[in-house]
Protein backbone atom coordinates (compact mmCIF):
# COMPACT_ATOMS: atom_id res chain seq x y z
CA MET A 1 -139.94 72.30 256.38
CA ILE A 2 -140.18 71.99 252.59
CA ASP A 3 -142.04 74.36 250.23
CA LEU A 4 -145.56 72.96 249.84
CA ARG A 5 -145.95 74.46 246.46
CA LEU A 6 -142.91 72.72 245.31
CA LEU A 7 -144.40 69.41 246.72
CA ARG A 8 -147.45 70.22 244.56
CA GLU A 9 -145.57 71.14 241.64
CA ASP A 10 -142.74 68.29 241.42
CA PRO A 11 -143.75 65.65 243.90
CA GLU A 12 -141.35 63.01 242.08
CA ARG A 13 -138.41 65.13 243.10
CA VAL A 14 -139.52 64.84 246.89
CA ARG A 15 -139.88 61.28 246.47
CA THR A 16 -136.42 60.67 244.93
CA SER A 17 -135.03 62.81 247.75
CA GLN A 18 -136.54 60.57 250.23
CA ARG A 19 -135.68 57.43 248.56
CA SER A 20 -131.96 58.71 248.48
CA ARG A 21 -132.12 59.35 252.07
CA GLY A 22 -133.51 55.89 252.65
CA GLU A 23 -136.36 57.30 254.30
CA ASP A 24 -140.12 56.70 253.92
CA VAL A 25 -141.31 57.47 250.34
CA ASP A 26 -144.99 57.08 251.20
CA LEU A 27 -144.87 60.06 253.42
CA VAL A 28 -144.83 62.23 250.30
CA ASP A 29 -148.38 60.92 249.19
CA ALA A 30 -149.51 61.41 252.79
CA LEU A 31 -148.58 64.88 252.99
CA LEU A 32 -150.08 65.56 249.49
CA SER A 33 -153.52 63.81 250.39
CA ALA A 34 -153.28 65.86 253.75
CA ASP A 35 -152.75 69.01 252.13
CA GLU A 36 -155.62 68.62 249.97
CA ARG A 37 -157.94 67.82 252.80
CA ARG A 38 -156.52 70.98 254.52
CA ARG A 39 -157.29 73.26 251.59
CA ALA A 40 -160.48 71.71 250.76
CA SER A 41 -161.52 71.98 254.40
CA GLY A 42 -160.34 75.74 254.25
CA THR A 43 -162.48 76.50 251.40
CA ARG A 44 -165.63 74.55 252.91
CA PHE A 45 -165.17 76.85 256.03
CA ASP A 46 -164.91 80.00 254.10
CA GLU A 47 -167.93 79.14 252.05
CA LEU A 48 -170.13 78.46 255.22
CA ARG A 49 -168.66 81.42 256.76
CA ALA A 50 -169.62 83.67 253.74
CA GLU A 51 -173.47 82.18 253.85
CA GLN A 52 -173.48 82.94 257.61
CA LYS A 53 -172.82 86.51 256.79
CA GLN A 54 -175.13 86.87 254.24
CA LEU A 55 -177.91 84.77 256.19
CA GLY A 56 -177.53 87.44 258.96
CA LYS A 57 -178.40 90.25 256.61
CA GLN A 58 -181.36 88.29 255.24
CA VAL A 59 -182.69 87.56 258.87
CA ALA A 60 -182.59 91.49 259.62
CA ALA A 61 -184.78 92.10 256.75
CA ALA A 62 -187.10 88.98 256.95
CA LYS A 63 -190.65 88.92 258.75
CA GLY A 64 -192.64 86.12 259.58
CA GLU A 65 -192.51 82.54 258.18
CA GLU A 66 -189.55 83.50 256.21
CA LYS A 67 -187.71 84.87 259.28
CA ALA A 68 -188.50 81.78 261.34
CA ALA A 69 -187.11 79.57 258.25
CA LEU A 70 -184.22 81.74 258.05
CA LEU A 71 -183.30 81.46 262.04
CA ALA A 72 -183.97 77.76 261.77
CA ARG A 73 -181.31 77.64 259.07
CA THR A 74 -179.03 80.08 260.97
CA LYS A 75 -178.80 77.26 264.16
CA GLU A 76 -178.15 74.55 261.49
CA LEU A 77 -175.53 76.75 259.77
CA ALA A 78 -173.97 77.55 263.23
CA ALA A 79 -173.43 73.76 263.64
CA GLU A 80 -172.00 73.32 260.18
CA VAL A 81 -169.76 76.09 260.56
CA LYS A 82 -168.37 74.78 264.06
CA ALA A 83 -167.76 71.55 262.59
CA ALA A 84 -166.05 72.93 259.48
CA ASP A 85 -163.65 74.84 261.63
CA ALA A 86 -162.79 71.61 263.61
CA ALA A 87 -162.30 69.78 260.50
CA GLN A 88 -160.14 72.65 259.10
CA GLY A 89 -158.05 72.70 262.34
CA GLU A 90 -157.50 68.74 262.19
CA ALA A 91 -156.47 68.96 258.64
CA LYS A 92 -154.12 71.78 259.15
CA GLU A 93 -152.62 70.05 262.14
CA GLU A 94 -152.24 66.66 260.27
CA ALA A 95 -150.76 68.44 257.31
CA GLU A 96 -148.21 70.24 259.37
CA ARG A 97 -147.12 67.22 261.27
CA LEU A 98 -146.48 65.35 258.15
CA GLN A 99 -144.86 68.25 256.70
CA ARG A 100 -142.33 68.58 259.65
CA ALA A 101 -141.84 64.96 259.37
CA LEU A 102 -140.27 65.31 255.54
CA ALA A 103 -136.73 65.81 255.60
CA ASN A 104 -134.93 68.63 253.50
CA LEU A 105 -134.47 68.13 249.76
CA ILE A 106 -131.23 66.82 248.82
CA ASP A 107 -128.89 68.77 246.81
CA PRO A 108 -128.76 67.16 243.25
CA ALA A 109 -124.90 67.55 243.58
CA ALA A 110 -124.78 65.43 246.73
CA PRO A 111 -123.49 61.84 246.51
CA VAL A 112 -126.19 58.94 246.63
CA GLY A 113 -125.64 56.40 248.93
CA GLY A 114 -124.92 55.20 252.51
CA GLU A 115 -122.41 56.10 255.28
CA GLU A 116 -119.54 54.80 253.16
CA ASP A 117 -120.36 56.12 249.78
CA PHE A 118 -119.02 59.55 250.26
CA VAL A 119 -116.81 61.47 247.61
CA THR A 120 -113.43 62.45 248.79
CA LEU A 121 -112.87 66.16 247.49
CA GLU A 122 -109.22 66.67 248.39
CA GLU A 123 -106.61 65.53 250.86
CA ILE A 124 -104.64 68.17 252.60
CA GLY A 125 -100.97 67.53 254.16
CA THR A 126 -99.30 64.19 254.33
CA PRO A 127 -99.43 61.85 257.50
CA ARG A 128 -96.26 61.52 259.07
CA ASP A 129 -93.86 58.31 258.81
CA PHE A 130 -93.40 57.51 262.51
CA ALA A 131 -91.74 54.22 261.44
CA ALA A 132 -89.08 56.49 259.51
CA GLU A 133 -88.57 58.51 262.54
CA ASP A 134 -87.93 55.22 264.27
CA PHE A 135 -90.68 55.45 267.22
CA GLU A 136 -94.21 54.07 267.76
CA PRO A 137 -96.76 56.84 268.23
CA ARG A 138 -98.67 57.07 271.40
CA ASP A 139 -102.27 57.47 271.33
CA HIS A 140 -103.72 60.44 273.04
CA VAL A 141 -104.91 58.95 275.92
CA GLU A 142 -101.48 57.93 276.79
CA LEU A 143 -100.12 61.17 275.80
CA GLY A 144 -102.61 63.10 277.88
CA GLN A 145 -101.56 61.05 280.88
CA LEU A 146 -97.70 61.92 280.40
CA LEU A 147 -98.60 65.37 279.72
CA GLY A 148 -100.91 65.78 282.79
CA ALA A 149 -103.47 66.86 280.28
CA ILE A 150 -106.28 64.26 280.28
CA ASP A 151 -108.00 62.30 283.05
CA THR A 152 -110.43 59.82 281.77
CA GLU A 153 -110.41 57.44 284.76
CA ARG A 154 -111.48 60.08 287.22
CA GLY A 155 -113.93 61.37 284.72
CA ALA A 156 -115.61 57.74 284.64
CA LYS A 157 -115.45 57.86 288.38
CA VAL A 158 -117.38 60.93 288.91
CA ALA A 159 -119.54 61.12 285.68
CA GLY A 160 -119.55 57.34 284.13
CA ALA A 161 -118.45 56.23 280.95
CA ARG A 162 -117.44 58.69 278.14
CA SER A 163 -116.60 61.35 280.46
CA TYR A 164 -113.25 62.97 281.13
CA TYR A 165 -111.32 65.88 282.96
CA LEU A 166 -108.78 67.98 281.07
CA THR A 167 -106.34 69.01 283.58
CA GLY A 168 -103.27 71.64 283.53
CA PRO A 169 -102.07 71.93 279.93
CA GLY A 170 -105.21 70.15 278.62
CA ALA A 171 -107.54 72.77 280.06
CA LEU A 172 -105.39 75.34 278.74
CA LEU A 173 -105.18 73.78 275.53
CA GLU A 174 -108.92 73.76 275.18
CA LEU A 175 -109.06 77.54 276.16
CA ALA A 176 -106.53 78.26 273.60
CA LEU A 177 -108.49 76.35 270.66
CA VAL A 178 -111.63 78.45 271.59
CA ASN A 179 -109.98 81.46 271.60
CA MET A 180 -108.01 80.94 268.24
CA ALA A 181 -111.37 80.08 266.92
CA MET A 182 -113.22 82.96 268.04
CA ALA A 183 -110.52 85.24 267.03
CA GLN A 184 -110.39 83.83 263.45
CA ALA A 185 -114.16 84.03 263.45
CA THR A 186 -114.17 87.45 264.41
CA ALA A 187 -111.82 88.65 262.17
CA ALA A 188 -113.96 86.83 259.31
CA GLY A 189 -117.10 89.19 260.31
CA PHE A 190 -118.73 86.86 262.55
CA THR A 191 -120.35 88.28 265.83
CA PRO A 192 -119.21 86.02 268.75
CA MET A 193 -121.81 84.74 270.98
CA ILE A 194 -122.24 82.65 274.29
CA THR A 195 -125.30 80.54 273.89
CA PRO A 196 -127.97 78.74 276.02
CA ALA A 197 -127.17 75.06 276.80
CA LEU A 198 -130.77 74.64 277.52
CA VAL A 199 -133.60 75.44 275.04
CA ARG A 200 -137.48 74.93 274.79
CA PRO A 201 -138.77 72.25 272.48
CA ALA A 202 -139.43 74.92 269.80
CA ALA A 203 -136.16 75.58 269.28
CA MET A 204 -135.03 72.02 269.14
CA ASP A 205 -137.78 70.89 266.96
CA GLY A 206 -137.51 73.92 264.91
CA THR A 207 -133.73 73.05 263.91
CA GLY A 208 -134.95 69.28 263.06
CA PHE A 209 -133.22 67.51 265.99
CA LEU A 210 -136.31 65.82 267.15
CA GLY A 211 -136.58 63.80 264.20
CA GLN A 212 -134.13 61.14 263.60
CA ALA A 213 -131.64 62.55 265.90
CA ALA A 214 -133.87 62.56 268.86
CA GLU A 215 -132.45 59.47 270.60
CA ASN A 216 -129.24 61.51 271.34
CA VAL A 217 -130.81 64.22 272.83
CA TYR A 218 -130.94 64.88 276.58
CA TYR A 219 -134.38 65.81 277.87
CA LEU A 220 -135.35 67.36 281.34
CA ALA A 221 -139.12 66.39 281.58
CA ASP A 222 -139.52 68.51 284.59
CA ASP A 223 -138.54 71.67 283.00
CA ASP A 224 -139.80 70.85 279.49
CA ARG A 225 -136.19 71.67 278.29
CA TYR A 226 -133.45 70.13 276.19
CA LEU A 227 -129.69 70.08 276.47
CA VAL A 228 -128.35 71.22 273.28
CA GLY A 229 -126.16 68.70 271.16
CA THR A 230 -124.70 72.00 269.34
CA SER A 231 -125.03 75.74 269.61
CA GLU A 232 -126.44 75.42 266.12
CA VAL A 233 -129.83 75.06 267.86
CA PRO A 234 -129.70 78.20 269.99
CA LEU A 235 -128.20 80.19 267.23
CA ALA A 236 -130.78 78.72 264.55
CA ALA A 237 -133.57 79.90 267.01
CA TYR A 238 -131.90 83.42 267.96
CA HIS A 239 -134.29 85.07 265.33
CA MET A 240 -137.05 82.71 265.44
CA ASP A 241 -140.55 84.40 264.53
CA GLU A 242 -138.70 87.46 263.19
CA ILE A 243 -138.59 88.99 259.70
CA LEU A 244 -134.81 90.18 258.91
CA ASP A 245 -134.29 92.93 256.38
CA ALA A 246 -132.34 91.79 253.35
CA ASP A 247 -129.73 94.52 253.72
CA ARG A 248 -128.85 93.10 257.13
CA LEU A 249 -127.75 89.83 255.31
CA PRO A 250 -125.57 87.76 255.77
CA LEU A 251 -125.74 87.60 259.64
CA ARG A 252 -122.86 85.41 260.63
CA TYR A 253 -122.70 84.33 264.33
CA ALA A 254 -119.98 82.19 266.12
CA GLY A 255 -121.39 80.42 269.11
CA PHE A 256 -119.27 79.19 271.82
CA SER A 257 -121.45 76.49 273.96
CA SER A 258 -121.08 73.10 275.85
CA CYS A 259 -122.62 70.24 274.10
CA PHE A 260 -124.55 67.10 275.31
CA ARG A 261 -124.93 64.07 273.56
CA ARG A 262 -126.35 60.72 274.62
CA GLU A 263 -124.48 58.71 271.88
CA ALA A 264 -127.15 56.29 271.66
CA GLY A 265 -126.28 53.17 269.68
CA THR A 266 -122.67 53.45 269.95
CA TYR A 267 -122.09 50.79 272.31
CA GLY A 268 -118.55 49.49 271.97
CA LYS A 269 -117.47 52.35 269.57
CA ASP A 270 -114.79 54.77 270.63
CA THR A 271 -114.69 53.73 274.35
CA ARG A 272 -111.22 54.62 274.89
CA GLY A 273 -110.36 58.26 275.25
CA ILE A 274 -112.19 61.50 274.23
CA ILE A 275 -113.11 60.97 270.72
CA ARG A 276 -116.64 59.94 271.45
CA VAL A 277 -118.23 61.82 274.64
CA HIS A 278 -121.09 62.93 276.40
CA GLN A 279 -120.36 66.47 277.07
CA PHE A 280 -117.84 68.85 274.97
CA GLU A 281 -117.07 72.20 274.01
CA LYS A 282 -117.38 73.62 270.60
CA VAL A 283 -117.37 76.95 268.24
CA GLU A 284 -120.00 76.71 265.53
CA MET A 285 -120.58 79.26 262.87
CA PHE A 286 -124.02 79.93 262.07
CA VAL A 287 -125.13 82.02 258.95
CA PHE A 288 -128.52 83.50 257.87
CA THR A 289 -128.46 84.49 254.36
CA ALA A 290 -130.67 84.61 251.11
CA PRO A 291 -131.52 81.54 249.48
CA GLU A 292 -129.69 82.32 246.16
CA ASP A 293 -126.19 82.93 248.03
CA ALA A 294 -126.60 79.83 250.33
CA GLU A 295 -124.51 77.69 247.97
CA ALA A 296 -121.60 80.24 247.99
CA GLU A 297 -121.87 80.64 251.74
CA HIS A 298 -121.62 76.91 252.07
CA ARG A 299 -118.20 76.89 250.42
CA ARG A 300 -116.98 79.92 252.67
CA LEU A 301 -117.72 78.10 255.68
CA LEU A 302 -115.70 75.00 254.13
CA GLN A 303 -112.91 77.33 253.73
CA TRP A 304 -112.78 78.77 257.10
CA GLU A 305 -112.86 75.48 258.57
CA LYS A 306 -109.82 74.47 256.35
CA ASP A 307 -108.18 77.80 257.26
CA PHE A 308 -108.25 76.77 261.04
CA LEU A 309 -107.01 73.05 260.45
CA ASN A 310 -104.29 74.41 258.19
CA ALA A 311 -103.20 76.75 260.85
CA LEU A 312 -102.90 73.79 263.34
CA GLU A 313 -100.82 71.91 260.72
CA LEU A 314 -103.10 68.95 260.66
CA PRO A 315 -103.09 66.47 257.74
CA TYR A 316 -106.99 66.05 256.63
CA ARG A 317 -109.25 65.27 253.96
CA VAL A 318 -112.58 66.83 252.74
CA ILE A 319 -115.67 64.55 252.04
CA ASP A 320 -119.11 65.24 250.31
CA VAL A 321 -121.35 63.39 252.52
CA ALA A 322 -123.65 60.84 250.91
CA SER A 323 -127.43 61.20 250.86
CA GLY A 324 -128.15 58.43 253.34
CA ASP A 325 -125.87 60.00 256.04
CA LEU A 326 -127.28 63.39 255.94
CA GLY A 327 -129.24 64.85 258.92
CA ALA A 328 -132.81 65.79 258.19
CA SER A 329 -132.30 69.22 257.92
CA ALA A 330 -128.99 69.35 255.44
CA ALA A 331 -129.49 69.64 251.59
CA ARG A 332 -125.72 69.18 251.58
CA LYS A 333 -122.82 68.52 253.96
CA PHE A 334 -119.13 68.61 253.72
CA ASP A 335 -116.97 66.86 256.53
CA ILE A 336 -113.41 67.45 257.27
CA GLU A 337 -111.56 64.26 258.85
CA ALA A 338 -108.32 64.75 260.30
CA TRP A 339 -105.78 62.06 260.40
CA VAL A 340 -105.39 60.01 263.71
CA PRO A 341 -102.03 58.03 263.43
CA THR A 342 -102.77 55.17 266.10
CA GLN A 343 -106.03 54.51 264.39
CA GLY A 344 -104.43 54.71 260.89
CA LYS A 345 -107.56 56.43 259.49
CA TYR A 346 -109.15 59.73 259.14
CA ARG A 347 -111.73 60.64 261.84
CA GLU A 348 -114.38 63.74 261.59
CA VAL A 349 -113.47 66.88 263.27
CA THR A 350 -115.74 69.45 261.68
CA SER A 351 -118.58 69.66 259.30
CA THR A 352 -120.65 72.15 257.40
CA SER A 353 -124.35 71.95 256.39
CA ASN A 354 -126.27 73.89 253.89
CA THR A 355 -130.16 73.61 255.45
CA THR A 356 -131.52 75.81 252.63
CA GLU A 357 -135.04 77.05 253.77
CA TYR A 358 -135.71 74.13 255.77
CA GLN A 359 -134.82 75.26 259.37
CA ALA A 360 -136.00 78.89 258.61
CA ARG A 361 -139.54 77.75 257.67
CA ARG A 362 -139.76 75.64 260.94
CA LEU A 363 -138.51 78.49 263.07
CA SER A 364 -140.74 81.31 261.12
CA ILE A 365 -137.64 83.11 260.37
CA ARG A 366 -137.98 85.23 257.06
CA MET A 367 -136.44 87.98 255.13
CA ARG A 368 -137.92 91.25 253.37
CA ASP A 369 -136.74 92.51 250.15
CA GLY A 370 -137.88 93.73 246.86
CA GLU A 371 -139.84 90.69 246.24
CA GLY A 372 -141.42 91.00 249.82
CA VAL A 373 -141.34 88.80 252.58
CA ARG A 374 -140.02 85.06 251.96
CA PRO A 375 -138.06 82.64 253.76
CA LEU A 376 -134.17 82.76 254.11
CA ALA A 377 -131.75 80.25 254.22
CA THR A 378 -129.61 78.90 257.04
CA LEU A 379 -126.09 77.27 257.19
CA ASN A 380 -123.96 75.77 260.13
CA GLY A 381 -120.22 74.91 260.24
CA THR A 382 -118.25 73.62 263.14
CA LEU A 383 -115.09 75.71 263.48
CA VAL A 384 -113.70 73.67 266.55
CA ALA A 385 -115.08 70.74 268.36
CA VAL A 386 -112.29 70.62 271.21
CA PRO A 387 -111.99 67.20 272.03
CA ARG A 388 -111.54 65.68 268.61
CA VAL A 389 -109.18 68.44 267.58
CA ILE A 390 -107.19 67.75 271.16
CA VAL A 391 -106.86 64.03 269.86
CA ALA A 392 -105.51 65.13 266.40
CA LEU A 393 -102.97 67.72 267.82
CA LEU A 394 -101.39 65.34 270.32
CA GLU A 395 -101.03 62.56 268.07
CA ASN A 396 -99.69 64.18 264.95
CA HIS A 397 -97.55 66.79 266.73
CA GLN A 398 -95.94 64.16 269.20
CA GLN A 399 -92.09 63.33 269.70
CA ALA A 400 -90.73 60.37 270.72
CA ASP A 401 -90.03 61.46 274.38
CA GLY A 402 -93.86 62.20 274.84
CA SER A 403 -93.71 65.83 274.39
CA VAL A 404 -95.97 67.55 271.80
CA VAL A 405 -94.69 70.37 269.68
CA LEU A 406 -97.58 73.24 269.36
CA PRO A 407 -98.11 74.72 265.82
CA GLU A 408 -97.10 78.16 265.75
CA ALA A 409 -100.30 79.78 264.86
CA LEU A 410 -101.60 78.21 268.40
CA ARG A 411 -98.76 79.40 270.54
CA PRO A 412 -99.86 83.18 271.05
CA PHE A 413 -102.95 81.74 272.80
CA LEU A 414 -100.65 79.79 275.06
CA GLY A 415 -98.56 82.48 276.37
CA GLY A 416 -96.11 81.65 273.83
CA LYS A 417 -95.34 78.15 274.73
CA SER A 418 -94.00 76.19 271.84
CA VAL A 419 -93.90 72.61 273.49
CA LEU A 420 -96.02 70.58 276.10
CA GLU A 421 -93.71 68.47 278.29
CA PRO A 422 -94.48 65.50 279.95
CA VAL A 423 -94.88 65.95 283.71
CA ALA A 424 -94.56 63.63 286.89
CA ALA A 425 -97.58 61.47 287.73
CA ARG A 426 -100.22 62.54 289.86
C-alpha cells in the first residue's frame, strides 16, 4: 500500500502514477474521500466515547430528576456510540480496500508507456552468426530431443499442454543451474531458503498478486491456499507482522521453489517447447532494506543477475520496463532478455523489481532505527528461471552435430562435463 500521508499531501503525483500505468485514476479521489470519512468517523466515535465517560461520572454524583435525565441520555449515547463504532469500522474497511487496490507509485525515472515502450539500457555479447558457421540452428525442442533432455510429448500426455519432462542431461542441467545460482547467491551473502509452494491468502494478497495478476494464480478452494507463481511470495511474507532492527538490514534471502502459473490470456503464444509453461523451478533473490538504500540495492540485484548470465556466456540485453508493463507492486523494474537464435529476438529470462515500501505496508513489516518504527523496503530479483535459461543455453551453445558445449562456469556443477552429446532415440 502507498503512504496515505503522501496521498493527502500530493494526490496529483498519485493520479499521474495511475495514469502512467493505464489504471483507474478515479480510484485516487475515491480513496481520498474514504480516508476523510474514516478520519471523521473516528473523531466522532472518540467524541462520543469521551462524552460517555464524562456522563458516567455525572450519573454517579447526580440524584433525583437530574439522575433520571442523565440515565436516559446514557441509553441514547450508548446507541450513538454503537452506531459510531460501526460507521468507523465500515469507513476503515472501505478505505483499506481502496488503498490495497491502488498500485505502487512509479519511480519518476521509469519510462512511461506500454509493453513496447521500454528503454534498452545495454546489450551484452554478440549473437552468433550461424550462417557464417554454415549451419541452420536447431530450436531447443529439437535439441532437447536429440540430447535426451526434454520430453514435451509425454509431458502433454501426462499433465496437459505447457507441461514437460526434463530427462537425463536435462534434469542434471536444471540441478546444475540451481546449484550454480545458489553458490553465487551464498557467496554474495544471501541466506539460501527452500520455501513453501502453498501459502495462505494473506501472503499472496500482501505481495500484490491478487490484483492484476490474479488470473494467473492457482487457488485451492477446499484448503483456502494458493500455489505460488514465484518464491517472492513466501520470502516477502517470511517476516510478516514483524519489526526488524535496522542493524540487521539488509536481509538477503535466495529462495528455491517450484512456481505455478495458469498462463491465462496467452492462448496461442509460445505453445512449442518450454518457454511458457505451467510449472517450473526458480531461484529468487529477495531483500529487506531501509527505504533510502533501496535504489542502490536494486542496482546490485541487477548486477548479480548480469554476473550469472555472463558466467553462462549468453548474449543478452537489459531493459528498463515501461510504466504500463509494471506489476502493481513495482515502482521500477529491469528485465534481462537473452538472445534466442531460432526466434531471432531477445526473450525475458530474469527481472528485478524495487517495490519500495508497498509490500512491507501490506504485510505489516517494519524496521526500528533511531527515527523509531517505520516501514522498510523490499526488492526481488530472479537469479535463474530454469526453463528459459535452458532454452538460451541449448540454442546459443549448440554445434552443427546437435551437441551443446557447456560454459566453463557450469561444468563443475555437472561433474566436469564439457559437452552434451546426442543420444539414441528413446
